Amino acid sequence: MSQNVNFSPIRNPANPERVFVYRVAPTVQTLGYDQRTVGKGAANPRWNKDPTKLPSTRLLAASNIVTLNFDDVVHVYGVAQTSTLVSLLSPFTEVVGAETKAPHGALAGCAVTEGDAVQAWLAYQGSDGAKEPLMWTDVTDADAQDKPSTAKYPMSGTALSVFHDTKRYWLIYQNDDGKLVAQNEKDQIGSEIHGEKSNFIEKTPIGTCFIPGYKEGTLGRAIVYWVRLTNQANVLYRSHADITDAKTATWSDPKPATSAGQTVQPLAQIGVITENKTKSNWVYVAKEGKDNITAVSDPWQAKEE
């Protein structure tokens, strides 16, 4: 019996030896895609298999946006407006989990590829009655159960950021005392970025990057960005730690990021892109008083080094 089979192939611009095939998925008729080597059959076709649970593409106003690059594809995640479900928004749309909800919109993630093995995790702040635990969800395994973070006493509505030091995941969050903490998830121990909470505005956005092999004898350097209220201005600040195999990290004294002491929107998300050629970061911020997203440059090496 004949049937409709509608699809469109296109080369992957990041890997011309592979092809994306976007299609109308059978039975459920949602958008699906797979990636395959040119001339070969499908390896892992993906689509939303339950269209009744299709998330709204209208997002919570406070929703963070997370982009993860794995399997040669940029995956985009956010928090749906009404349900507060953490959702995959691109390359197709589906909920991450039926109970994976982030009512405050806080979301962060990290993807790690080692050979053919891929790990991709999202961190979010859930809600369990009076408790608001920080949680992890594995976005590469649809059957995996969400698991709690080892982080203690998170602030309600904390922002989140994640980095991987080549061996371990670290979750950056603001605790209920107002301080930023870097939680080593493997060893289940946290390191305060600084012991004085006045360095951080309440619910500060957080941006993070990790530079592998930055300094001899270390795994690499982690740099964390946030917002501090100083002289009645919301200023982009930073601290760094040279990560070793030790369970904890020692963070540098907080300093203004960039030479100009950039003022920013206090609750706008912070994004970081590393630039190896110049040994610096492009830090994406929204400047104070505006909705424009702007990149400012910040060197890996702090001024005092």
Protein backbone atom coordinates (compact mmCIF):
# COMPACT_ATOMS: atom_id res chain seq x y z
CA MET A 1 0.00 0.00 0.00
CA SER A 2 1.36 3.40 -0.94
CA GLN A 3 1.93 6.02 1.75
CA ASN A 4 3.24 9.54 2.15
CA VAL A 5 6.96 9.67 2.91
CA ASN A 6 8.05 13.30 2.92
CA PHE A 7 11.61 14.34 3.71
CA SER A 8 14.50 16.60 2.78
CA PRO A 9 18.23 15.71 2.95
CA ILE A 10 20.96 18.32 3.43
CA ARG A 11 24.69 18.05 4.09
CA ASN A 12 25.82 18.83 7.60
CA PRO A 13 27.83 22.07 7.24
CA ALA A 14 30.03 21.01 10.17
CA ASN A 15 30.79 17.61 8.65
CA PRO A 16 30.23 17.36 4.87
CA GLU A 17 30.62 13.58 4.98
CA ARG A 18 27.33 13.36 6.87
CA VAL A 19 23.78 14.23 5.87
CA PHE A 20 20.77 15.39 7.87
CA VAL A 21 17.45 13.96 6.75
CA TYR A 22 14.48 15.95 8.05
CA ARG A 23 11.13 14.22 7.62
CA VAL A 24 7.49 13.99 8.61
CA ALA A 25 7.63 11.24 11.21
CA PRO A 26 5.42 8.19 10.57
CA THR A 27 2.14 7.86 12.48
CA VAL A 28 2.57 10.87 14.80
CA GLN A 29 3.39 13.31 11.97
CA THR A 30 5.79 15.47 13.98
CA LEU A 31 9.09 16.79 12.63
CA GLY A 32 11.81 14.18 12.80
CA TYR A 33 15.42 13.98 11.73
CA ASP A 34 18.36 11.66 11.56
CA GLN A 35 22.00 12.01 10.66
CA ARG A 36 23.80 9.50 8.48
CA THR A 37 26.97 9.08 6.48
CA VAL A 38 26.48 10.05 2.83
CA GLY A 39 24.99 7.08 1.00
CA LYS A 40 24.23 5.10 4.16
CA GLY A 41 21.01 4.27 5.99
CA ALA A 42 19.68 5.95 9.12
CA ALA A 43 21.63 5.39 12.32
CA ASN A 44 19.35 6.92 14.95
CA PRO A 45 16.15 8.56 13.69
CA ARG A 46 14.63 10.94 16.24
CA TRP A 47 11.25 12.58 16.61
CA ASN A 48 8.65 13.40 19.23
CA LYS A 49 6.76 10.13 19.57
CA ASP A 50 3.91 11.60 21.64
CA PRO A 51 2.54 14.78 20.04
CA THR A 52 0.03 15.16 22.90
CA LYS A 53 3.05 16.18 25.01
CA LEU A 54 4.43 18.60 22.47
CA PRO A 55 5.74 21.55 24.52
CA SER A 56 4.67 25.10 23.86
CA THR A 57 7.16 27.03 21.78
CA ARG A 58 6.24 30.04 23.90
CA LEU A 59 8.84 30.19 26.62
CA LEU A 60 8.75 31.25 30.24
CA ALA A 61 9.86 34.89 30.38
CA ALA A 62 12.61 33.90 32.84
CA SER A 63 13.64 30.85 30.82
CA ASN A 64 17.35 30.46 30.24
CA ILE A 65 18.42 29.25 26.81
CA VAL A 66 21.02 26.47 26.63
CA THR A 67 22.83 25.41 23.46
CA LEU A 68 24.76 22.13 23.40
CA ASN A 69 26.76 20.86 20.44
CA PHE A 70 26.87 17.06 20.16
CA ASP A 71 26.46 14.57 17.32
CA ASP A 72 27.50 17.45 15.01
CA VAL A 73 24.23 19.20 15.83
CA VAL A 74 23.42 22.27 17.91
CA HIS A 75 20.67 21.34 20.37
CA VAL A 76 18.67 24.23 21.87
CA TYR A 77 16.82 23.92 25.19
CA GLY A 78 14.48 26.19 27.14
CA VAL A 79 11.58 26.15 29.60
CA ALA A 80 8.02 26.12 28.22
CA GLN A 81 5.75 28.92 29.36
CA THR A 82 2.71 27.27 30.98
CA SER A 83 3.93 23.80 31.91
CA THR A 84 7.48 24.93 32.94
CA LEU A 85 8.73 21.71 31.32
CA VAL A 86 12.35 21.70 30.21
CA SER A 87 12.12 21.26 26.45
CA LEU A 88 14.22 20.60 23.39
CA LEU A 89 13.41 23.41 20.93
CA SER A 90 15.73 22.55 18.04
CA PRO A 91 16.49 20.59 15.83
CA PHE A 92 12.99 19.35 16.69
CA THR A 93 10.61 19.90 19.60
CA GLU A 94 9.95 17.57 22.53
CA VAL A 95 9.86 17.64 26.30
CA VAL A 96 13.04 16.41 27.96
CA GLY A 97 11.06 14.51 30.59
CA ALA A 98 7.43 14.35 31.69
CA GLU A 99 8.36 15.61 35.17
CA THR A 100 11.44 17.65 34.31
CA LYS A 101 10.14 21.07 35.35
CA ALA A 102 12.09 24.27 36.05
CA PRO A 103 9.52 26.74 37.44
CA HIS A 104 12.10 29.51 37.90
CA GLY A 105 13.49 29.06 34.37
CA ALA A 106 17.07 28.38 35.53
CA LEU A 107 18.85 26.03 33.15
CA ALA A 108 22.47 25.19 32.32
CA GLY A 109 24.22 22.40 30.44
CA CYS A 110 27.38 20.80 29.19
CA ALA A 111 28.18 18.28 26.44
CA VAL A 112 31.36 16.19 26.39
CA THR A 113 32.50 14.01 23.48
CA GLU A 114 35.19 11.36 23.93
CA GLY A 115 35.70 9.37 20.74
CA ASP A 116 32.26 8.10 19.74
CA ALA A 117 30.90 8.46 23.28
CA VAL A 118 28.78 11.51 24.07
CA GLN A 119 27.63 12.80 27.44
CA ALA A 120 25.21 15.72 27.53
CA TRP A 121 23.59 16.95 30.72
CA LEU A 122 21.25 19.75 31.73
CA ALA A 123 21.09 21.14 35.25
CA TYR A 124 17.93 22.82 36.55
CA GLN A 125 16.22 23.84 39.78
CA GLY A 126 13.15 21.73 40.33
CA SER A 127 10.28 21.98 42.77
CA ASP A 128 9.26 19.30 45.26
CA GLY A 129 6.82 20.90 47.64
CA ALA A 130 8.74 23.27 49.87
CA LYS A 131 12.04 22.00 48.51
CA GLU A 132 13.66 23.33 45.34
CA PRO A 133 16.51 20.91 44.64
CA LEU A 134 19.09 21.30 41.92
CA MET A 135 18.74 18.41 39.48
CA TRP A 136 20.54 16.81 36.53
CA THR A 137 18.92 15.28 33.46
CA ASP A 138 20.70 13.21 30.80
CA VAL A 139 19.53 14.48 27.41
CA THR A 140 21.27 11.67 25.50
CA ASP A 141 19.19 8.93 27.17
CA ALA A 142 15.42 9.30 27.02
CA ASP A 143 14.96 6.50 29.58
CA ALA A 144 17.37 7.89 32.18
CA GLN A 145 15.93 9.13 35.47
CA ASP A 146 16.73 12.65 36.60
CA LYS A 147 19.09 12.70 39.57
CA PRO A 148 19.70 15.25 42.31
CA SER A 149 22.79 17.40 42.46
CA THR A 150 25.03 17.11 45.51
CA ALA A 151 24.86 20.91 45.89
CA LYS A 152 23.54 22.12 49.24
CA TYR A 153 21.17 24.95 50.16
CA PRO A 154 20.61 26.63 46.78
CA MET A 155 18.91 30.00 46.70
CA SER A 156 15.36 29.88 45.38
CA GLY A 157 15.61 31.08 41.79
CA THR A 158 19.38 30.76 41.56
CA ALA A 159 21.01 30.97 38.17
CA LEU A 160 23.15 28.00 37.13
CA SER A 161 26.24 27.31 35.05
CA VAL A 162 28.19 24.12 34.31
CA PHE A 163 31.71 23.21 33.22
CA HIS A 164 33.61 19.93 32.78
CA ASP A 165 37.27 19.84 33.81
CA THR A 166 38.07 16.84 31.53
CA LYS A 167 37.28 14.50 34.44
CA ARG A 168 34.41 15.94 36.47
CA TYR A 169 31.33 18.14 36.18
CA TRP A 170 31.16 21.30 38.28
CA LEU A 171 27.87 23.12 38.91
CA ILE A 172 28.03 26.84 39.74
CA TYR A 173 25.09 28.16 41.78
CA GLN A 174 24.17 30.78 44.37
CA ASN A 175 23.47 29.42 47.84
CA ASP A 176 20.78 30.69 50.20
CA ASP A 177 23.40 32.87 51.92
CA GLY A 178 23.94 34.74 48.64
CA LYS A 179 27.41 33.36 47.80
CA LEU A 180 28.45 31.66 44.57
CA VAL A 181 29.58 28.06 45.00
CA ALA A 182 31.35 25.72 42.56
CA GLN A 183 30.09 22.22 43.31
CA ASN A 184 32.37 19.31 42.36
CA GLU A 185 29.69 16.72 41.62
CA LYS A 186 31.97 13.69 41.51
CA ASP A 187 33.59 14.35 44.88
CA GLN A 188 30.41 15.90 46.30
CA ILE A 189 32.05 19.00 47.72
CA GLY A 190 31.65 22.72 47.05
CA SER A 191 34.12 25.62 46.90
CA GLU A 192 32.90 29.17 47.53
CA ILE A 193 33.92 31.61 44.80
CA HIS A 194 34.27 34.19 47.57
CA GLY A 195 33.21 34.32 51.20
CA GLU A 196 31.66 37.80 51.07
CA LYS A 197 28.12 37.79 49.67
CA SER A 198 28.24 41.51 48.84
CA ASN A 199 30.30 40.51 45.78
CA PHE A 200 27.15 39.07 44.19
CA ILE A 201 23.74 40.55 43.48
CA GLU A 202 20.81 38.35 44.45
CA LYS A 203 20.00 35.83 41.70
CA THR A 204 22.96 36.99 39.68
CA PRO A 205 23.31 35.49 36.22
CA ILE A 206 26.34 33.21 35.91
CA GLY A 207 28.56 32.45 32.91
CA THR A 208 31.41 29.94 32.91
CA CYS A 209 34.10 28.54 30.64
CA PHE A 210 36.94 26.03 31.01
CA ILE A 211 40.27 26.22 29.17
CA PRO A 212 41.91 22.75 29.17
CA GLY A 213 45.66 22.64 29.83
CA TYR A 214 45.89 26.38 30.49
CA LYS A 215 48.73 26.01 32.99
CA GLU A 216 51.27 23.21 33.34
CA GLY A 217 50.43 20.79 36.14
CA THR A 218 46.70 21.55 36.04
CA LEU A 219 43.67 20.20 34.23
CA GLY A 220 42.92 23.73 33.06
CA ARG A 221 41.50 27.08 34.10
CA ALA A 222 37.86 27.77 34.95
CA ILE A 223 36.61 31.35 34.69
CA VAL A 224 33.28 32.39 36.22
CA TYR A 225 31.41 35.62 35.40
CA TRP A 226 28.59 37.23 37.38
CA VAL A 227 27.12 40.65 38.28
CA ARG A 228 28.11 42.77 41.28
CA LEU A 229 26.49 46.00 42.44
CA THR A 230 29.28 48.52 42.92
CA ASN A 231 28.95 52.31 43.13
CA GLN A 232 25.24 51.83 42.30
CA ALA A 233 26.12 50.19 38.99
CA ASN A 234 25.66 46.57 37.93
CA VAL A 235 29.15 45.57 36.82
CA LEU A 236 30.34 42.37 35.17
CA TYR A 237 32.77 40.59 37.53
CA ARG A 238 34.98 37.51 37.24
CA SER A 239 37.07 35.02 39.18
CA HIS A 240 39.25 32.14 38.01
CA ALA A 241 40.57 28.87 39.42
CA ASP A 242 43.30 26.63 38.06
CA ILE A 243 41.71 23.21 38.46
CA THR A 244 43.76 20.19 39.54
CA ASP A 245 42.83 16.69 40.70
CA ALA A 246 42.11 18.16 44.14
CA LYS A 247 38.51 17.88 45.32
CA THR A 248 38.17 21.63 45.83
CA ALA A 249 39.13 24.71 43.83
CA THR A 250 40.86 27.89 45.01
CA TRP A 251 39.31 30.94 43.36
CA SER A 252 41.01 34.27 42.73
CA ASP A 253 39.74 37.47 44.32
CA PRO A 254 36.78 38.91 42.39
CA LYS A 255 37.70 41.60 39.86
CA PRO A 256 35.79 43.56 37.22
CA ALA A 257 35.82 41.74 33.89
CA THR A 258 37.12 43.66 30.86
CA SER A 259 39.31 46.73 31.10
CA ALA A 260 36.31 49.07 31.03
CA GLY A 261 34.35 47.60 33.95
CA GLN A 262 31.35 46.74 31.78
CA THR A 263 27.91 47.60 33.18
CA VAL A 264 25.20 45.09 32.31
CA GLN A 265 21.55 44.24 32.76
CA PRO A 266 21.44 42.68 36.24
CA LEU A 267 19.30 39.66 35.38
CA ALA A 268 20.23 39.10 31.72
CA GLN A 269 21.87 35.78 30.89
CA ILE A 270 25.66 35.68 30.40
CA GLY A 271 27.24 33.58 27.63
CA VAL A 272 30.93 32.82 27.09
CA ILE A 273 32.79 31.87 23.89
CA THR A 274 36.51 31.07 24.20
CA GLU A 275 38.93 32.48 21.61
CA ASN A 276 42.14 30.43 21.46
CA LYS A 277 43.94 32.75 19.02
CA THR A 278 43.87 35.71 21.39
CA LYS A 279 43.76 33.72 24.66
CA SER A 280 40.63 35.56 25.66
CA ASN A 281 36.88 35.16 25.99
CA TRP A 282 34.03 36.81 24.18
CA VAL A 283 31.55 37.40 26.98
CA TYR A 284 28.02 37.96 25.67
CA VAL A 285 25.96 40.31 27.83
CA ALA A 286 23.03 42.70 27.58
CA LYS A 287 24.26 46.20 28.34
CA GLU A 288 22.44 48.05 31.08
CA GLY A 289 19.35 49.91 29.95
CA LYS A 290 19.19 48.10 26.62
CA ASP A 291 17.91 44.86 25.12
CA ASN A 292 20.87 44.48 22.78
CA ILE A 293 23.16 41.47 23.17
CA THR A 294 26.79 42.54 22.93
CA ALA A 295 30.13 40.71 23.00
CA VAL A 296 32.90 42.15 25.18
CA SER A 297 36.45 40.79 25.30
CA ASP A 298 38.10 39.54 28.48
CA PRO A 299 41.60 37.95 28.62
CA TRP A 300 42.10 34.55 30.24
CA GLN A 301 44.97 35.92 32.28
CA ALA A 302 43.88 38.28 35.03
CA LYS A 303 45.60 41.68 35.36
CA GLU A 304 47.16 40.83 38.71
CA GLU A 305 48.96 37.71 37.41
